[in-house]
Amino acid sequence: MTVTVVALTSIAAVLEISGITRTVLDIRAARRNIASYLELPRTVYGSANVTLGNVRMTADGTVGTPTLEQRIEALEAWRRGVRDELDQREDKLTERLTGSFQGALSAVEQTTDDQFKKLRTYIEGSQQSVWKSYRGPIILGVGVLVGLVASILSTLS
């Protein structure tokens, strides 16, 4: 019976040592994987929403010097058009800014989504099996169980 206890204790010791060794190696491999993940090239998407400013030129020509009435009438016509022009300018500016912000927001969303997909693939361990992910602790647990059986057998004898 003592030969069996010694054999089981030896097997438990070997299993526990190999389980701890495997766990340490897996931790070191995880550190290397993290380093390689951090060195992966990042894809950053940009928005290509480019608008050019409007250029408006008007040329009103008169021969000679305009009279005071003509100048006042031109000034009144310009003043009436300023309100419409300002309203249109605000609408155009809002439209351009909305388009620009939507493009930038879409680019940020696409970049973030791409990085989250890569991170999810890394965290999932590229679909590793349970055995490969937890082999060190599993071996260690089996070694502890074998050691427990050896202890039970040694107390019975």
C-alpha atoms as a PDB file:
ATOM      1  CA  MET A   1       0.000   0.000   0.000  1.00  0.00           C
ATOM      2  CA  THR A   2       2.891   2.374   0.740  1.00  0.00           C
ATOM      3  CA  VAL A   3       4.223   1.839  -2.777  1.00  0.00           C
ATOM      4  CA  THR A   4       0.845   2.973  -4.146  1.00  0.00           C
ATOM      5  CA  VAL A   5       0.807   6.027  -1.873  1.00  0.00           C
ATOM      6  CA  VAL A   6       4.353   6.962  -2.890  1.00  0.00           C
ATOM      7  CA  ALA A   7       3.496   6.493  -6.576  1.00  0.00           C
ATOM      8  CA  LEU A   8       0.319   8.580  -6.286  1.00  0.00           C
ATOM      9  CA  THR A   9       2.149  11.292  -4.352  1.00  0.00           C
ATOM     10  CA  SER A  10       4.886  11.370  -6.996  1.00  0.00           C
ATOM     11  CA  ILE A  11       2.303  11.569  -9.806  1.00  0.00           C
ATOM     12  CA  ALA A  12       0.496  14.373  -7.931  1.00  0.00           C
ATOM     13  CA  ALA A  13       3.745  16.292  -7.514  1.00  0.00           C
ATOM     14  CA  VAL A  14       4.595  15.929 -11.207  1.00  0.00           C
ATOM     15  CA  LEU A  15       1.073  17.016 -12.222  1.00  0.00           C
ATOM     16  CA  GLU A  16       1.109  20.012  -9.883  1.00  0.00           C
ATOM     17  CA  ILE A  17       4.538  21.147 -11.037  1.00  0.00           C
ATOM     18  CA  SER A  18       3.622  20.731 -14.715  1.00  0.00           C
ATOM     19  CA  GLY A  19       0.309  22.551 -14.129  1.00  0.00           C
ATOM     20  CA  ILE A  20       2.083  25.486 -12.508  1.00  0.00           C
ATOM     21  CA  THR A  21       4.706  25.498 -15.269  1.00  0.00           C
ATOM     22  CA  ARG A  22       2.032  25.419 -17.967  1.00  0.00           C
ATOM     23  CA  THR A  23       0.149  28.280 -16.274  1.00  0.00           C
ATOM     24  CA  VAL A  24       3.305  30.392 -16.105  1.00  0.00           C
ATOM     25  CA  LEU A  25       4.050  29.672 -19.774  1.00  0.00           C
ATOM     26  CA  ASP A  26       0.474  30.609 -20.724  1.00  0.00           C
ATOM     27  CA  ILE A  27       0.779  33.888 -18.802  1.00  0.00           C
ATOM     28  CA  ARG A  28       4.022  34.687 -20.615  1.00  0.00           C
ATOM     29  CA  ALA A  29       2.407  33.814 -23.959  1.00  0.00           C
ATOM     30  CA  ALA A  30      -0.508  36.103 -23.100  1.00  0.00           C
ATOM     31  CA  ARG A  31       1.942  38.935 -22.448  1.00  0.00           C
ATOM     32  CA  ARG A  32       3.527  38.350 -25.850  1.00  0.00           C
ATOM     33  CA  ASN A  33       0.070  38.268 -27.444  1.00  0.00           C
ATOM     34  CA  ILE A  34      -0.842  41.561 -25.800  1.00  0.00           C
ATOM     35  CA  ALA A  35       2.391  43.105 -27.060  1.00  0.00           C
ATOM     36  CA  SER A  36       1.686  41.837 -30.579  1.00  0.00           C
ATOM     37  CA  TYR A  37      -1.914  43.115 -30.367  1.00  0.00           C
ATOM     38  CA  LEU A  38      -0.703  46.556 -29.336  1.00  0.00           C
ATOM     39  CA  GLU A  39       1.677  46.599 -32.310  1.00  0.00           C
ATOM     40  CA  LEU A  40      -1.076  45.790 -34.826  1.00  0.00           C
ATOM     41  CA  PRO A  41      -1.619  48.559 -37.354  1.00  0.00           C
ATOM     42  CA  ARG A  42      -4.687  50.643 -36.617  1.00  0.00           C
ATOM     43  CA  THR A  43      -7.120  51.557 -39.345  1.00  0.00           C
ATOM     44  CA  VAL A  44      -8.403  55.090 -38.972  1.00  0.00           C
ATOM     45  CA  TYR A  45     -11.204  56.104 -41.293  1.00  0.00           C
ATOM     46  CA  GLY A  46     -11.677  59.689 -42.369  1.00  0.00           C
ATOM     47  CA  SER A  47     -14.568  61.635 -43.760  1.00  0.00           C
ATOM     48  CA  ALA A  48     -14.287  62.937 -47.305  1.00  0.00           C
ATOM     49  CA  ASN A  49     -16.931  65.616 -47.031  1.00  0.00           C
ATOM     50  CA  VAL A  50     -15.317  68.583 -48.755  1.00  0.00           C
ATOM     51  CA  THR A  51     -17.250  71.624 -49.843  1.00  0.00           C
ATOM     52  CA  LEU A  52     -15.883  74.678 -51.481  1.00  0.00           C
ATOM     53  CA  GLY A  53     -17.107  78.113 -50.538  1.00  0.00           C
ATOM     54  CA  ASN A  54     -19.396  79.987 -52.862  1.00  0.00           C
ATOM     55  CA  VAL A  55     -17.996  82.974 -54.652  1.00  0.00           C
ATOM     56  CA  ARG A  56     -20.467  85.560 -55.808  1.00  0.00           C
ATOM     57  CA  MET A  57     -19.524  88.575 -57.749  1.00  0.00           C
ATOM     58  CA  THR A  58     -21.905  91.219 -58.957  1.00  0.00           C
ATOM     59  CA  ALA A  59     -21.144  94.137 -61.141  1.00  0.00           C
ATOM     60  CA  ASP A  60     -23.559  96.998 -61.365  1.00  0.00           C
ATOM     61  CA  GLY A  61     -22.354  99.672 -63.620  1.00  0.00           C
ATOM     62  CA  THR A  62     -23.651 103.102 -64.198  1.00  0.00           C
ATOM     63  CA  VAL A  63     -22.316 105.699 -66.460  1.00  0.00           C
ATOM     64  CA  GLY A  64     -21.641 108.879 -64.679  1.00  0.00           C
ATOM     65  CA  THR A  65     -22.320 109.717 -61.061  1.00  0.00           C
ATOM     66  CA  PRO A  66     -25.566 108.275 -59.666  1.00  0.00           C
ATOM     67  CA  THR A  67     -28.007 110.694 -58.248  1.00  0.00           C
ATOM     68  CA  LEU A  68     -28.907 110.716 -54.575  1.00  0.00           C
ATOM     69  CA  GLU A  69     -32.248 109.055 -55.329  1.00  0.00           C
ATOM     70  CA  GLN A  70     -30.531 106.280 -57.307  1.00  0.00           C
ATOM     71  CA  ARG A  71     -28.061 105.689 -54.508  1.00  0.00           C
ATOM     72  CA  ILE A  72     -30.822 105.578 -51.857  1.00  0.00           C
ATOM     73  CA  GLU A  73     -32.860 103.189 -54.024  1.00  0.00           C
ATOM     74  CA  ALA A  74     -29.830 100.906 -54.507  1.00  0.00           C
ATOM     75  CA  LEU A  75     -29.159 101.005 -50.760  1.00  0.00           C
ATOM     76  CA  GLU A  76     -32.799 100.132 -49.984  1.00  0.00           C
ATOM     77  CA  ALA A  77     -32.731  97.246 -52.483  1.00  0.00           C
ATOM     78  CA  TRP A  78     -29.526  95.931 -50.924  1.00  0.00           C
ATOM     79  CA  ARG A  79     -31.035  96.238 -47.411  1.00  0.00           C
ATOM     80  CA  ARG A  80     -34.127  94.274 -48.451  1.00  0.00           C
ATOM     81  CA  GLY A  81     -31.936  91.509 -49.865  1.00  0.00           C
ATOM     82  CA  VAL A  82     -29.641  91.314 -46.827  1.00  0.00           C
ATOM     83  CA  ARG A  83     -32.246  89.572 -44.638  1.00  0.00           C
ATOM     84  CA  ASP A  84     -32.881  86.864 -47.251  1.00  0.00           C
ATOM     85  CA  GLU A  85     -29.179  86.489 -47.885  1.00  0.00           C
ATOM     86  CA  LEU A  86     -28.470  86.095 -44.155  1.00  0.00           C
ATOM     87  CA  ASP A  87     -31.261  83.530 -43.785  1.00  0.00           C
ATOM     88  CA  GLN A  88     -29.889  81.568 -46.720  1.00  0.00           C
ATOM     89  CA  ARG A  89     -26.373  81.866 -45.397  1.00  0.00           C
ATOM     90  CA  GLU A  90     -27.414  80.414 -42.026  1.00  0.00           C
ATOM     91  CA  ASP A  91     -29.238  77.531 -43.733  1.00  0.00           C
ATOM     92  CA  LYS A  92     -26.266  76.810 -45.999  1.00  0.00           C
ATOM     93  CA  LEU A  93     -23.840  76.982 -43.070  1.00  0.00           C
ATOM     94  CA  THR A  94     -26.041  74.653 -40.994  1.00  0.00           C
ATOM     95  CA  GLU A  95     -26.282  72.232 -43.911  1.00  0.00           C
ATOM     96  CA  ARG A  96     -22.510  72.233 -44.454  1.00  0.00           C
ATOM     97  CA  LEU A  97     -21.747  71.800 -40.748  1.00  0.00           C
ATOM     98  CA  THR A  98     -24.316  69.026 -40.388  1.00  0.00           C
ATOM     99  CA  GLY A  99     -22.824  67.177 -43.350  1.00  0.00           C
ATOM    100  CA  SER A 100     -19.312  67.653 -42.024  1.00  0.00           C
ATOM    101  CA  PHE A 101     -20.213  66.474 -38.515  1.00  0.00           C
ATOM    102  CA  GLN A 102     -22.152  63.494 -39.854  1.00  0.00           C
ATOM    103  CA  GLY A 103     -19.159  62.465 -41.962  1.00  0.00           C
ATOM    104  CA  ALA A 104     -16.760  62.820 -39.034  1.00  0.00           C
ATOM    105  CA  LEU A 105     -19.120  60.949 -36.714  1.00  0.00           C
ATOM    106  CA  SER A 106     -19.476  58.144 -39.228  1.00  0.00           C
ATOM    107  CA  ALA A 107     -15.681  57.890 -39.586  1.00  0.00           C
ATOM    108  CA  VAL A 108     -15.191  57.750 -35.803  1.00  0.00           C
ATOM    109  CA  GLU A 109     -17.911  55.114 -35.505  1.00  0.00           C
ATOM    110  CA  GLN A 110     -16.324  52.986 -38.221  1.00  0.00           C
ATOM    111  CA  THR A 111     -12.847  53.292 -36.655  1.00  0.00           C
ATOM    112  CA  THR A 112     -14.125  52.392 -33.179  1.00  0.00           C
ATOM    113  CA  ASP A 113     -16.150  49.475 -34.499  1.00  0.00           C
ATOM    114  CA  ASP A 114     -13.113  48.119 -36.330  1.00  0.00           C
ATOM    115  CA  GLN A 115     -10.950  48.353 -33.189  1.00  0.00           C
ATOM    116  CA  PHE A 116     -13.629  46.681 -31.041  1.00  0.00           C
ATOM    117  CA  LYS A 117     -13.871  43.802 -33.523  1.00  0.00           C
ATOM    118  CA  LYS A 118     -10.099  43.274 -33.355  1.00  0.00           C
ATOM    119  CA  LEU A 119     -10.145  43.500 -29.555  1.00  0.00           C
ATOM    120  CA  ARG A 120     -13.031  41.018 -29.324  1.00  0.00           C
ATOM    121  CA  THR A 121     -11.108  38.558 -31.524  1.00  0.00           C
ATOM    122  CA  TYR A 122      -8.059  38.941 -29.277  1.00  0.00           C
ATOM    123  CA  ILE A 123     -10.004  38.545 -26.030  1.00  0.00           C
ATOM    124  CA  GLU A 124     -11.851  35.494 -27.306  1.00  0.00           C
ATOM    125  CA  GLY A 125      -8.447  33.976 -27.964  1.00  0.00           C
ATOM    126  CA  SER A 126      -9.171  33.320 -31.611  1.00  0.00           C
ATOM    127  CA  GLN A 127     -11.788  30.745 -30.652  1.00  0.00           C
ATOM    128  CA  GLN A 128      -9.456  28.570 -28.566  1.00  0.00           C
ATOM    129  CA  SER A 129     -10.817  25.434 -26.956  1.00  0.00           C
ATOM    130  CA  VAL A 130     -11.390  25.225 -23.199  1.00  0.00           C
ATOM    131  CA  TRP A 131      -8.552  22.725 -22.863  1.00  0.00           C
ATOM    132  CA  LYS A 132      -6.052  25.002 -24.591  1.00  0.00           C
ATOM    133  CA  SER A 133      -7.171  28.063 -22.605  1.00  0.00           C
ATOM    134  CA  TYR A 134      -7.149  26.394 -19.167  1.00  0.00           C
ATOM    135  CA  ARG A 135      -4.778  23.438 -19.498  1.00  0.00           C
ATOM    136  CA  GLY A 136      -2.396  24.637 -16.745  1.00  0.00           C
ATOM    137  CA  PRO A 137      -5.076  25.000 -14.058  1.00  0.00           C
ATOM    138  CA  ILE A 138      -6.753  21.743 -15.200  1.00  0.00           C
ATOM    139  CA  ILE A 139      -3.479  19.799 -14.847  1.00  0.00           C
ATOM    140  CA  LEU A 140      -2.885  21.453 -11.465  1.00  0.00           C
ATOM    141  CA  GLY A 141      -6.402  20.495 -10.318  1.00  0.00           C
ATOM    142  CA  VAL A 142      -5.892  16.868 -11.376  1.00  0.00           C
ATOM    143  CA  GLY A 143      -2.590  16.848  -9.478  1.00  0.00           C
ATOM    144  CA  VAL A 144      -4.317  18.132  -6.342  1.00  0.00           C
ATOM    145  CA  LEU A 145      -7.004  15.433  -6.666  1.00  0.00           C
ATOM    146  CA  VAL A 146      -4.376  12.704  -7.092  1.00  0.00           C
ATOM    147  CA  GLY A 147      -2.530  14.101  -4.047  1.00  0.00           C
ATOM    148  CA  LEU A 148      -5.791  14.011  -2.081  1.00  0.00           C
ATOM    149  CA  VAL A 149      -6.316  10.367  -3.000  1.00  0.00           C
ATOM    150  CA  ALA A 150      -2.724   9.615  -1.936  1.00  0.00           C
ATOM    151  CA  SER A 151      -3.317  11.357   1.405  1.00  0.00           C
ATOM    152  CA  ILE A 152      -6.522   9.440   1.992  1.00  0.00           C
ATOM    153  CA  LEU A 153      -4.798   6.152   1.182  1.00  0.00           C
ATOM    154  CA  SER A 154      -1.878   6.974   3.510  1.00  0.00           C
ATOM    155  CA  THR A 155      -4.236   7.666   6.428  1.00  0.00           C
ATOM    156  CA  LEU A 156      -6.072   4.392   5.862  1.00  0.00           C
ATOM    157  CA  SER A 157      -2.920   2.336   6.118  1.00  0.00           C
END
